[in-house]
Amino acid sequence: MGFACVTGAAGGIGRATVARLRADGYRIAATVVEGGAPYDQADLAEPLALVLGSEAHGLADDLVAEADLRVTIPMAGPTESLNVAMAGTVLAFEVLRRRRG
């Protein structure tokens, strides 16, 4: 147990996935474009499952509502969001950086 990263790029995130992760002891962190804690200030203590939505639609509102926390990657300039692969990379790096201390 420790860290998991699940994406909705293939439409594979649903209540069953979140329920299984929670049953396995993970806290659920939903990634959102706005309204979440900045990733570098968020409580990313493990066990943690980062749940990332599709690039086009993000996560379903009900999944965001069920999450233990919401995480945002602040954007500078005209950029609205990162693609899901880049967002996952940034967030996974932050979790691993903290693990190393």
Protein backbone atom coordinates (compact mmCIF):
# COMPACT_ATOMS: atom_id res chain seq x y z
CA MET A 1 0.00 0.00 0.00
CA GLY A 2 1.11 3.58 -0.43
CA PHE A 3 0.37 5.35 -3.66
CA ALA A 4 -1.90 4.78 -6.65
CA CYS A 5 -2.72 6.93 -9.64
CA VAL A 6 -5.92 6.22 -11.58
CA THR A 7 -7.00 8.10 -14.71
CA GLY A 8 -10.30 8.44 -16.46
CA ALA A 9 -8.75 8.80 -19.88
CA ALA A 10 -10.27 5.49 -20.95
CA GLY A 11 -13.52 6.09 -19.05
CA GLY A 12 -12.54 3.59 -16.38
CA ILE A 13 -13.23 5.53 -13.21
CA GLY A 14 -16.49 4.96 -11.44
CA ARG A 15 -17.92 4.52 -8.00
CA ALA A 16 -16.79 0.88 -7.94
CA THR A 17 -13.16 1.88 -8.54
CA VAL A 18 -13.28 4.52 -5.82
CA ALA A 19 -15.05 2.14 -3.42
CA ARG A 20 -12.38 -0.52 -3.99
CA LEU A 21 -9.54 1.94 -3.40
CA ARG A 22 -11.20 3.19 -0.23
CA ALA A 23 -11.80 -0.41 0.97
CA ASP A 24 -8.10 -1.07 0.40
CA GLY A 25 -7.29 1.80 2.78
CA TYR A 26 -6.50 4.60 0.33
CA ARG A 27 -7.55 8.21 0.81
CA ILE A 28 -9.02 9.54 -2.43
CA ALA A 29 -7.59 12.75 -3.93
CA ALA A 30 -9.62 14.09 -6.85
CA THR A 31 -7.85 16.37 -9.30
CA VAL A 32 -9.84 19.46 -10.26
CA VAL A 33 -9.08 22.46 -12.46
CA GLU A 34 -10.32 24.95 -9.85
CA GLY A 35 -11.24 24.90 -6.18
CA GLY A 36 -8.75 22.35 -4.90
CA ALA A 37 -5.76 22.76 -2.65
CA PRO A 38 -2.64 23.66 -4.64
CA TYR A 39 -0.72 20.39 -5.09
CA ASP A 40 2.38 21.71 -3.33
CA GLN A 41 0.31 22.58 -0.24
CA ALA A 42 -2.15 19.66 -0.25
CA ASP A 43 -2.06 16.83 2.28
CA LEU A 44 -0.66 14.07 0.05
CA ALA A 45 0.19 11.71 2.91
CA GLU A 46 0.00 8.06 1.96
CA PRO A 47 -1.86 5.81 1.48
CA LEU A 48 -3.23 7.98 -1.30
CA ALA A 49 -4.97 7.38 -4.61
CA LEU A 50 -4.80 10.27 -7.05
CA VAL A 51 -7.83 10.16 -9.32
CA LEU A 52 -7.50 12.10 -12.57
CA GLY A 53 -10.36 12.71 -14.98
CA SER A 54 -10.31 12.76 -18.73
CA GLU A 55 -8.76 15.73 -20.46
CA ALA A 56 -12.02 16.74 -22.09
CA HIS A 57 -14.44 16.36 -19.19
CA GLY A 58 -12.50 15.96 -15.96
CA LEU A 59 -14.00 13.84 -13.20
CA ALA A 60 -17.72 13.33 -12.72
CA ASP A 61 -19.17 15.61 -10.04
CA ASP A 62 -20.26 12.66 -7.89
CA LEU A 63 -16.70 11.29 -7.83
CA VAL A 64 -15.30 14.68 -6.86
CA ALA A 65 -17.90 14.91 -4.09
CA GLU A 66 -16.87 11.49 -2.71
CA ALA A 67 -13.15 12.38 -2.59
CA ASP A 68 -11.36 12.99 0.69
CA LEU A 69 -9.56 15.96 -0.82
CA ARG A 70 -9.37 17.96 -4.03
CA VAL A 71 -6.06 18.90 -5.61
CA THR A 72 -5.32 21.56 -8.23
CA ILE A 73 -2.21 22.29 -10.27
CA PRO A 74 -2.14 26.11 -10.47
CA MET A 75 -1.68 27.43 -14.00
CA ALA A 76 0.17 30.57 -15.05
CA GLY A 77 -0.67 32.69 -18.05
CA PRO A 78 -3.19 31.59 -20.67
CA THR A 79 -2.84 27.85 -19.98
CA GLU A 80 -6.15 26.44 -18.71
CA SER A 81 -5.03 22.92 -17.83
CA LEU A 82 -2.47 20.20 -18.46
CA ASN A 83 -3.18 16.99 -20.32
CA VAL A 84 -3.85 14.04 -18.04
CA ALA A 85 -0.42 12.47 -18.58
CA MET A 86 1.40 15.66 -17.62
CA ALA A 87 -0.87 16.30 -14.62
CA GLY A 88 -0.30 12.75 -13.39
CA THR A 89 3.45 13.17 -13.79
CA VAL A 90 3.51 16.42 -11.82
CA LEU A 91 1.42 14.98 -8.99
CA ALA A 92 3.26 11.65 -8.81
CA PHE A 93 6.57 13.51 -8.68
CA GLU A 94 5.30 15.62 -5.77
CA VAL A 95 4.22 12.52 -3.83
CA LEU A 96 7.59 10.86 -4.44
CA ARG A 97 9.51 14.05 -3.60
CA ARG A 98 7.81 14.20 -0.23
CA ARG A 99 8.40 10.50 0.39
CA ARG A 100 12.15 11.07 -0.03
CA GLY A 101 11.95 13.89 2.49
